[in-house]
């Protein structure tokens, strides 16, 4: 929990999250599109992370 507050990236994500939440209350349609892109990006980033993790694992195994 402490790490989240000391981690600037996490803090930015929290700010963005709050901003998106506010937008949802104001303009649901726009936010829906933004969230779709954010979700796609998160999935993409997760896949890339998985890829690099598996390549690192393969290197370690070798």
C-alpha atoms as a PDB file:
ATOM      1  CA  UNK A   1       0.000   0.000   0.000  1.00  0.00           C
ATOM      2  CA  UNK A   2       2.850   2.392   0.841  1.00  0.00           C
ATOM      3  CA  UNK A   3       4.460   1.702  -2.530  1.00  0.00           C
ATOM      4  CA  UNK A   4       1.385   2.933  -4.424  1.00  0.00           C
ATOM      5  CA  UNK A   5       1.755   6.417  -2.960  1.00  0.00           C
ATOM      6  CA  UNK A   6       5.510   6.579  -3.518  1.00  0.00           C
ATOM      7  CA  UNK A   7       5.162   5.271  -7.088  1.00  0.00           C
ATOM      8  CA  UNK A   8       4.563   8.311  -9.368  1.00  0.00           C
ATOM      9  CA  UNK A   9       3.147   6.206 -12.198  1.00  0.00           C
ATOM     10  CA  UNK A  10       0.556   4.660  -9.888  1.00  0.00           C
ATOM     11  CA  UNK A  11      -0.330   8.140  -8.616  1.00  0.00           C
ATOM     12  CA  UNK A  12      -0.853   9.350 -12.207  1.00  0.00           C
ATOM     13  CA  UNK A  13      -3.018   6.292 -12.892  1.00  0.00           C
ATOM     14  CA  UNK A  14      -5.119   7.129  -9.833  1.00  0.00           C
ATOM     15  CA  UNK A  15      -5.540  10.707 -11.065  1.00  0.00           C
ATOM     16  CA  UNK A  16      -6.497   9.488 -14.543  1.00  0.00           C
ATOM     17  CA  UNK A  17      -8.898   6.997 -12.961  1.00  0.00           C
ATOM     18  CA  UNK A  18     -10.608   9.763 -10.992  1.00  0.00           C
ATOM     19  CA  UNK A  19     -10.777  11.923 -14.115  1.00  0.00           C
ATOM     20  CA  UNK A  20     -12.317   9.087 -16.144  1.00  0.00           C
ATOM     21  CA  UNK A  21     -14.829   8.443 -13.370  1.00  0.00           C
ATOM     22  CA  UNK A  22     -15.831  12.122 -13.420  1.00  0.00           C
ATOM     23  CA  UNK A  23     -16.172  11.994 -17.206  1.00  0.00           C
ATOM     24  CA  UNK A  24     -18.384   8.913 -16.874  1.00  0.00           C
ATOM     25  CA  UNK A  25     -20.793  10.887 -14.729  1.00  0.00           C
ATOM     26  CA  UNK A  26     -20.734  13.817 -17.175  1.00  0.00           C
ATOM     27  CA  UNK A  27     -20.442  12.289 -20.628  1.00  0.00           C
ATOM     28  CA  UNK A  28     -20.958   8.523 -20.661  1.00  0.00           C
ATOM     29  CA  UNK A  29     -20.649   8.087 -24.444  1.00  0.00           C
ATOM     30  CA  UNK A  30     -17.199   9.707 -24.775  1.00  0.00           C
ATOM     31  CA  UNK A  31     -15.881   7.858 -21.743  1.00  0.00           C
ATOM     32  CA  UNK A  32     -17.092   4.547 -23.136  1.00  0.00           C
ATOM     33  CA  UNK A  33     -14.846   5.051 -26.170  1.00  0.00           C
ATOM     34  CA  UNK A  34     -11.908   6.160 -24.021  1.00  0.00           C
ATOM     35  CA  UNK A  35     -12.338   3.166 -21.720  1.00  0.00           C
ATOM     36  CA  UNK A  36     -12.457   0.851 -24.735  1.00  0.00           C
ATOM     37  CA  UNK A  37      -9.071   2.189 -25.893  1.00  0.00           C
ATOM     38  CA  UNK A  38      -7.671   2.034 -22.342  1.00  0.00           C
ATOM     39  CA  UNK A  39      -8.829  -1.553 -21.993  1.00  0.00           C
ATOM     40  CA  UNK A  40      -7.326  -2.499 -25.346  1.00  0.00           C
ATOM     41  CA  UNK A  41      -4.052  -0.823 -24.343  1.00  0.00           C
ATOM     42  CA  UNK A  42      -4.019  -2.599 -20.971  1.00  0.00           C
ATOM     43  CA  UNK A  43      -4.594  -5.967 -22.616  1.00  0.00           C
ATOM     44  CA  UNK A  44      -1.882  -5.223 -25.188  1.00  0.00           C
ATOM     45  CA  UNK A  45       0.534  -4.155 -22.455  1.00  0.00           C
ATOM     46  CA  UNK A  46      -0.301  -7.270 -20.444  1.00  0.00           C
ATOM     47  CA  UNK A  47       0.400  -9.501 -23.471  1.00  0.00           C
ATOM     48  CA  UNK A  48       3.709  -7.713 -24.111  1.00  0.00           C
ATOM     49  CA  UNK A  49       4.631  -8.163 -20.440  1.00  0.00           C
ATOM     50  CA  UNK A  50       3.748 -11.863 -20.648  1.00  0.00           C
ATOM     51  CA  UNK A  51       5.854 -12.184 -23.799  1.00  0.00           C
ATOM     52  CA  UNK A  52       8.907 -10.564 -22.234  1.00  0.00           C
ATOM     53  CA  UNK A  53       8.427 -12.655 -19.084  1.00  0.00           C
ATOM     54  CA  UNK A  54       8.306 -15.889 -21.074  1.00  0.00           C
ATOM     55  CA  UNK A  55      11.372 -14.915 -23.129  1.00  0.00           C
ATOM     56  CA  UNK A  56      13.217 -14.096 -19.895  1.00  0.00           C
ATOM     57  CA  UNK A  57      12.144 -17.460 -18.486  1.00  0.00           C
ATOM     58  CA  UNK A  58      13.381 -19.209 -21.633  1.00  0.00           C
ATOM     59  CA  UNK A  59      16.730 -17.420 -21.352  1.00  0.00           C
ATOM     60  CA  UNK A  60      17.030 -18.459 -17.724  1.00  0.00           C
ATOM     61  CA  UNK A  61      16.172 -22.065 -18.571  1.00  0.00           C
ATOM     62  CA  UNK A  62      18.850 -22.124 -21.283  1.00  0.00           C
END
